[in-house]
Amino acid sequence: MRFTSVAVALSLALVSISTSLHGQRPDDQIDPRSMALLQQGRAAQAAGNLDGATDLIESAVTVDPRNRQGFIALAQVADARGLPGKAIRLYREALLLDPNDVDALSGQGAALVERGAVERARQNLSRVRTLCKGACPQATTLAAAIAKGPPAITTAQAEVTKVPPKASAKD
C-alpha cells in the first residue's frame, strides 16, 4: 500500500471526527496549499495522467481533509479508471462534509448505476432535484445515466450470481 493511500485513509478518519465536532469550513477557508494541489491534480487528470492526478489530489486531501472538492475529484478519477465502488466511497466522504453537494450526489448516483444500484441512484436524483431550484445540469446528467441503466456486464454478472433453487428431496 502506498504511503499516500495510508495518509488518505487516516485523513478520512480525521474528517469524520473533525467534521462532526467542528463542522465544515467554507471552501474559501480550505488551506491554499490543498487547493493548489487540487488544481494541479485536475490538470493532470485533464492531460490523461490519472496516476499523477491521484497522487496530487490525495496529497490535497491530506493537507486539508476538509477539502470536499478534493474528494469529488478523487471520485471522478476513480470513475475514469472504471472503479465505481471506490468512487461511491469517495463521494460519500464529500457528502459527509456537505450532505447537500449536488455534484457529489449526482456523481455518486451515476456510480451507483454503474454498480447496478439503480434505486439508490433514483434516491440521489430525487435529492438533487429537491436541492436544485430550476434547471440543474447535475439532475439532467444523473437522469440520463439512470435511463441508460447499468452496463451489460453488471446485469450479466447479476444473472450469473443468482443461486438456483434447491432441488427437493423427491427429485
C-alpha atoms as a PDB file:
ATOM      1  CA  MET A   1       0.000   0.000   0.000  1.00  0.00           C
ATOM      2  CA  ARG A   2       1.395   3.377  -0.944  1.00  0.00           C
ATOM      3  CA  PHE A   3       2.131   5.936   1.756  1.00  0.00           C
ATOM      4  CA  THR A   4      -0.371   8.390   0.292  1.00  0.00           C
ATOM      5  CA  SER A   5      -3.138   5.771   0.481  1.00  0.00           C
ATOM      6  CA  VAL A   6      -2.433   5.266   4.175  1.00  0.00           C
ATOM      7  CA  ALA A   7      -2.309   9.013   4.710  1.00  0.00           C
ATOM      8  CA  VAL A   8      -5.630   9.450   2.902  1.00  0.00           C
ATOM      9  CA  ALA A   9      -7.221   6.687   4.985  1.00  0.00           C
ATOM     10  CA  LEU A  10      -6.065   8.426   8.157  1.00  0.00           C
ATOM     11  CA  SER A  11      -7.296  11.747   6.798  1.00  0.00           C
ATOM     12  CA  LEU A  12     -10.722  10.236   6.115  1.00  0.00           C
ATOM     13  CA  ALA A  13     -10.977   9.104   9.715  1.00  0.00           C
ATOM     14  CA  LEU A  14      -9.982  12.555  10.917  1.00  0.00           C
ATOM     15  CA  VAL A  15     -12.501  14.179   8.569  1.00  0.00           C
ATOM     16  CA  SER A  16     -15.358  12.258  10.133  1.00  0.00           C
ATOM     17  CA  ILE A  17     -14.279  13.168  13.655  1.00  0.00           C
ATOM     18  CA  SER A  18     -13.354  16.765  12.880  1.00  0.00           C
ATOM     19  CA  THR A  19     -16.469  17.487  10.838  1.00  0.00           C
ATOM     20  CA  SER A  20     -18.771  16.120  13.494  1.00  0.00           C
ATOM     21  CA  LEU A  21     -17.032  18.216  16.158  1.00  0.00           C
ATOM     22  CA  HIS A  22     -16.379  21.434  14.277  1.00  0.00           C
ATOM     23  CA  GLY A  23     -18.486  21.406  11.125  1.00  0.00           C
ATOM     24  CA  GLN A  24     -17.342  22.028   7.573  1.00  0.00           C
ATOM     25  CA  ARG A  25     -15.240  25.078   6.808  1.00  0.00           C
ATOM     26  CA  PRO A  26     -16.415  27.126   3.843  1.00  0.00           C
ATOM     27  CA  ASP A  27     -14.479  26.417   0.647  1.00  0.00           C
ATOM     28  CA  ASP A  28     -12.695  29.778   0.884  1.00  0.00           C
ATOM     29  CA  GLN A  29     -11.182  28.657   4.206  1.00  0.00           C
ATOM     30  CA  ILE A  30      -9.599  25.463   2.850  1.00  0.00           C
ATOM     31  CA  ASP A  31      -5.808  25.505   3.125  1.00  0.00           C
ATOM     32  CA  PRO A  32      -4.450  27.254  -0.006  1.00  0.00           C
ATOM     33  CA  ARG A  33      -1.782  24.544  -0.401  1.00  0.00           C
ATOM     34  CA  SER A  34      -4.538  21.950  -0.610  1.00  0.00           C
ATOM     35  CA  MET A  35      -6.380  23.980  -3.242  1.00  0.00           C
ATOM     36  CA  ALA A  36      -3.173  24.393  -5.282  1.00  0.00           C
ATOM     37  CA  LEU A  37      -2.541  20.628  -5.194  1.00  0.00           C
ATOM     38  CA  LEU A  38      -6.155  20.026  -6.215  1.00  0.00           C
ATOM     39  CA  GLN A  39      -5.756  22.326  -9.232  1.00  0.00           C
ATOM     40  CA  GLN A  40      -2.536  20.537 -10.244  1.00  0.00           C
ATOM     41  CA  GLY A  41      -4.329  17.197  -9.863  1.00  0.00           C
ATOM     42  CA  ARG A  42      -7.195  18.334 -12.052  1.00  0.00           C
ATOM     43  CA  ALA A  43      -4.721  19.489 -14.701  1.00  0.00           C
ATOM     44  CA  ALA A  44      -3.003  16.084 -14.582  1.00  0.00           C
ATOM     45  CA  GLN A  45      -6.375  14.361 -14.940  1.00  0.00           C
ATOM     46  CA  ALA A  46      -7.299  16.560 -17.904  1.00  0.00           C
ATOM     47  CA  ALA A  47      -3.968  15.598 -19.504  1.00  0.00           C
ATOM     48  CA  GLY A  48      -4.833  11.908 -19.036  1.00  0.00           C
ATOM     49  CA  ASN A  49      -2.295  11.311 -16.253  1.00  0.00           C
ATOM     50  CA  LEU A  50      -4.579   9.502 -13.811  1.00  0.00           C
ATOM     51  CA  ASP A  51      -1.728   8.230 -11.609  1.00  0.00           C
ATOM     52  CA  GLY A  52      -0.307  11.727 -11.235  1.00  0.00           C
ATOM     53  CA  ALA A  53      -3.777  13.150 -10.654  1.00  0.00           C
ATOM     54  CA  THR A  54      -4.460  10.600  -7.919  1.00  0.00           C
ATOM     55  CA  ASP A  55      -1.173  11.366  -6.154  1.00  0.00           C
ATOM     56  CA  LEU A  56      -1.687  15.127  -6.268  1.00  0.00           C
ATOM     57  CA  ILE A  57      -5.321  15.038  -5.184  1.00  0.00           C
ATOM     58  CA  GLU A  58      -4.596  12.558  -2.379  1.00  0.00           C
ATOM     59  CA  SER A  59      -1.932  14.999  -1.205  1.00  0.00           C
ATOM     60  CA  ALA A  60      -4.512  17.802  -1.348  1.00  0.00           C
ATOM     61  CA  VAL A  61      -6.931  15.995   0.964  1.00  0.00           C
ATOM     62  CA  THR A  62      -4.052  15.015   3.235  1.00  0.00           C
ATOM     63  CA  VAL A  63      -3.027  18.670   3.581  1.00  0.00           C
ATOM     64  CA  ASP A  64      -6.630  19.642   4.357  1.00  0.00           C
ATOM     65  CA  PRO A  65      -9.029  16.734   4.945  1.00  0.00           C
ATOM     66  CA  ARG A  66     -11.989  19.091   4.702  1.00  0.00           C
ATOM     67  CA  ASN A  67     -11.329  19.778   1.013  1.00  0.00           C
ATOM     68  CA  ARG A  68     -14.646  18.453  -0.275  1.00  0.00           C
ATOM     69  CA  GLN A  69     -13.753  19.230  -3.880  1.00  0.00           C
ATOM     70  CA  GLY A  70     -10.670  17.046  -3.442  1.00  0.00           C
ATOM     71  CA  PHE A  71     -12.806  14.042  -2.570  1.00  0.00           C
ATOM     72  CA  ILE A  72     -15.070  14.748  -5.529  1.00  0.00           C
ATOM     73  CA  ALA A  73     -12.041  14.976  -7.842  1.00  0.00           C
ATOM     74  CA  LEU A  74     -10.671  11.670  -6.458  1.00  0.00           C
ATOM     75  CA  ALA A  75     -14.069  10.087  -7.080  1.00  0.00           C
ATOM     76  CA  GLN A  76     -14.043  11.373 -10.653  1.00  0.00           C
ATOM     77  CA  VAL A  77     -10.602   9.846 -11.200  1.00  0.00           C
ATOM     78  CA  ALA A  78     -11.897   6.544  -9.778  1.00  0.00           C
ATOM     79  CA  ASP A  79     -14.831   6.780 -12.228  1.00  0.00           C
ATOM     80  CA  ALA A  80     -12.398   7.382 -15.084  1.00  0.00           C
ATOM     81  CA  ARG A  81     -10.497   4.249 -14.038  1.00  0.00           C
ATOM     82  CA  GLY A  82     -13.696   2.190 -14.053  1.00  0.00           C
ATOM     83  CA  LEU A  83     -13.808   1.852 -10.254  1.00  0.00           C
ATOM     84  CA  PRO A  84     -17.393   2.794  -9.344  1.00  0.00           C
ATOM     85  CA  GLY A  85     -17.227   1.204  -5.881  1.00  0.00           C
ATOM     86  CA  LYS A  86     -14.259   3.362  -4.919  1.00  0.00           C
ATOM     87  CA  ALA A  87     -15.958   6.396  -6.466  1.00  0.00           C
ATOM     88  CA  ILE A  88     -19.078   5.790  -4.363  1.00  0.00           C
ATOM     89  CA  ARG A  89     -16.968   5.738  -1.177  1.00  0.00           C
ATOM     90  CA  LEU A  90     -15.135   8.934  -2.137  1.00  0.00           C
ATOM     91  CA  TYR A  91     -18.370  10.733  -2.998  1.00  0.00           C
ATOM     92  CA  ARG A  92     -19.660   9.620   0.417  1.00  0.00           C
ATOM     93  CA  GLU A  93     -16.675  11.361   2.043  1.00  0.00           C
ATOM     94  CA  ALA A  94     -17.570  14.577   0.201  1.00  0.00           C
ATOM     95  CA  LEU A  95     -21.178  14.184   1.340  1.00  0.00           C
ATOM     96  CA  LEU A  96     -20.053  13.806   4.952  1.00  0.00           C
ATOM     97  CA  LEU A  97     -18.565  17.277   4.604  1.00  0.00           C
ATOM     98  CA  ASP A  98     -21.622  18.721   2.851  1.00  0.00           C
ATOM     99  CA  PRO A  99     -24.685  16.485   2.525  1.00  0.00           C
ATOM    100  CA  ASN A 100     -26.216  18.939   0.039  1.00  0.00           C
ATOM    101  CA  ASP A 101     -23.402  18.959  -2.535  1.00  0.00           C
ATOM    102  CA  VAL A 102     -25.270  18.324  -5.786  1.00  0.00           C
ATOM    103  CA  ASP A 103     -22.066  17.437  -7.665  1.00  0.00           C
ATOM    104  CA  ALA A 104     -21.264  14.708  -5.137  1.00  0.00           C
ATOM    105  CA  LEU A 105     -24.864  13.451  -5.084  1.00  0.00           C
ATOM    106  CA  SER A 106     -25.032  13.324  -8.867  1.00  0.00           C
ATOM    107  CA  GLY A 107     -21.613  11.690  -9.254  1.00  0.00           C
ATOM    108  CA  GLN A 108     -22.405   9.134  -6.586  1.00  0.00           C
ATOM    109  CA  GLY A 109     -25.738   8.409  -8.280  1.00  0.00           C
ATOM    110  CA  ALA A 110     -24.025   7.746 -11.615  1.00  0.00           C
ATOM    111  CA  ALA A 111     -21.504   5.439  -9.900  1.00  0.00           C
ATOM    112  CA  LEU A 112     -24.387   3.633  -8.185  1.00  0.00           C
ATOM    113  CA  VAL A 113     -25.968   2.999 -11.591  1.00  0.00           C
ATOM    114  CA  GLU A 114     -22.645   1.532 -12.779  1.00  0.00           C
ATOM    115  CA  ARG A 115     -22.799  -0.883  -9.835  1.00  0.00           C
ATOM    116  CA  GLY A 116     -26.422  -1.784 -10.614  1.00  0.00           C
ATOM    117  CA  ALA A 117     -27.924   0.100  -7.639  1.00  0.00           C
ATOM    118  CA  VAL A 118     -30.451   1.999  -9.749  1.00  0.00           C
ATOM    119  CA  GLU A 119     -32.980   2.502  -6.943  1.00  0.00           C
ATOM    120  CA  ARG A 120     -30.364   4.163  -4.728  1.00  0.00           C
ATOM    121  CA  ALA A 121     -29.372   6.322  -7.703  1.00  0.00           C
ATOM    122  CA  ARG A 122     -33.012   7.397  -8.055  1.00  0.00           C
ATOM    123  CA  GLN A 123     -32.960   8.481  -4.408  1.00  0.00           C
ATOM    124  CA  ASN A 124     -29.919  10.637  -5.169  1.00  0.00           C
ATOM    125  CA  LEU A 125     -31.708  12.086  -8.194  1.00  0.00           C
ATOM    126  CA  SER A 126     -34.697  12.975  -6.032  1.00  0.00           C
ATOM    127  CA  ARG A 127     -32.392  14.790  -3.588  1.00  0.00           C
ATOM    128  CA  VAL A 128     -30.592  16.617  -6.381  1.00  0.00           C
ATOM    129  CA  ARG A 129     -33.907  17.799  -7.818  1.00  0.00           C
ATOM    130  CA  THR A 130     -35.026  18.954  -4.364  1.00  0.00           C
ATOM    131  CA  LEU A 131     -31.803  20.909  -3.832  1.00  0.00           C
ATOM    132  CA  CYS A 132     -31.730  22.451  -7.323  1.00  0.00           C
ATOM    133  CA  LYS A 133     -34.333  25.070  -7.886  1.00  0.00           C
ATOM    134  CA  GLY A 134     -34.914  25.310 -11.625  1.00  0.00           C
ATOM    135  CA  ALA A 135     -32.620  23.987 -14.355  1.00  0.00           C
ATOM    136  CA  CYS A 136     -29.956  21.695 -12.969  1.00  0.00           C
ATOM    137  CA  PRO A 137     -27.328  20.056 -15.197  1.00  0.00           C
ATOM    138  CA  GLN A 138     -26.439  17.572 -12.439  1.00  0.00           C
ATOM    139  CA  ALA A 139     -30.040  16.318 -12.349  1.00  0.00           C
ATOM    140  CA  THR A 140     -30.129  16.046 -16.139  1.00  0.00           C
ATOM    141  CA  THR A 141     -26.849  14.089 -16.224  1.00  0.00           C
ATOM    142  CA  LEU A 142     -27.925  11.712 -13.456  1.00  0.00           C
ATOM    143  CA  ALA A 143     -31.377  11.179 -15.002  1.00  0.00           C
ATOM    144  CA  ALA A 144     -29.676  10.242 -18.299  1.00  0.00           C
ATOM    145  CA  ALA A 145     -27.385   7.753 -16.500  1.00  0.00           C
ATOM    146  CA  ILE A 146     -30.388   6.176 -14.788  1.00  0.00           C
ATOM    147  CA  ALA A 147     -32.322   5.989 -18.073  1.00  0.00           C
ATOM    148  CA  LYS A 148     -29.328   4.309 -19.731  1.00  0.00           C
ATOM    149  CA  GLY A 149     -29.159   1.794 -16.882  1.00  0.00           C
ATOM    150  CA  PRO A 150     -26.260  -0.272 -15.622  1.00  0.00           C
ATOM    151  CA  PRO A 151     -23.710  -1.637 -18.066  1.00  0.00           C
ATOM    152  CA  ALA A 152     -24.498  -5.006 -19.627  1.00  0.00           C
ATOM    153  CA  ILE A 153     -21.605  -6.600 -17.723  1.00  0.00           C
ATOM    154  CA  THR A 154     -23.163  -5.642 -14.366  1.00  0.00           C
ATOM    155  CA  THR A 155     -26.512  -7.056 -15.453  1.00  0.00           C
ATOM    156  CA  ALA A 156     -24.893 -10.249 -16.763  1.00  0.00           C
ATOM    157  CA  GLN A 157     -22.905 -10.667 -13.525  1.00  0.00           C
ATOM    158  CA  ALA A 158     -26.121 -10.340 -11.539  1.00  0.00           C
ATOM    159  CA  GLU A 159     -27.690 -13.094 -13.640  1.00  0.00           C
ATOM    160  CA  VAL A 160     -24.684 -15.399 -13.192  1.00  0.00           C
ATOM    161  CA  THR A 161     -24.591 -14.934  -9.415  1.00  0.00           C
ATOM    162  CA  LYS A 162     -28.241 -15.861  -8.918  1.00  0.00           C
ATOM    163  CA  VAL A 163     -28.421 -19.086  -6.952  1.00  0.00           C
ATOM    164  CA  PRO A 164     -30.686 -21.709  -8.497  1.00  0.00           C
ATOM    165  CA  PRO A 165     -33.438 -23.080  -6.250  1.00  0.00           C
ATOM    166  CA  LYS A 166     -32.515 -26.156  -4.248  1.00  0.00           C
ATOM    167  CA  ALA A 167     -33.743 -29.439  -5.585  1.00  0.00           C
ATOM    168  CA  SER A 168     -36.359 -31.099  -3.445  1.00  0.00           C
ATOM    169  CA  ALA A 169     -35.749 -34.495  -1.849  1.00  0.00           C
ATOM    170  CA  LYS A 170     -38.204 -36.008  -4.370  1.00  0.00           C
ATOM    171  CA  ASP A 171     -36.000 -35.033  -7.358  1.00  0.00           C
END
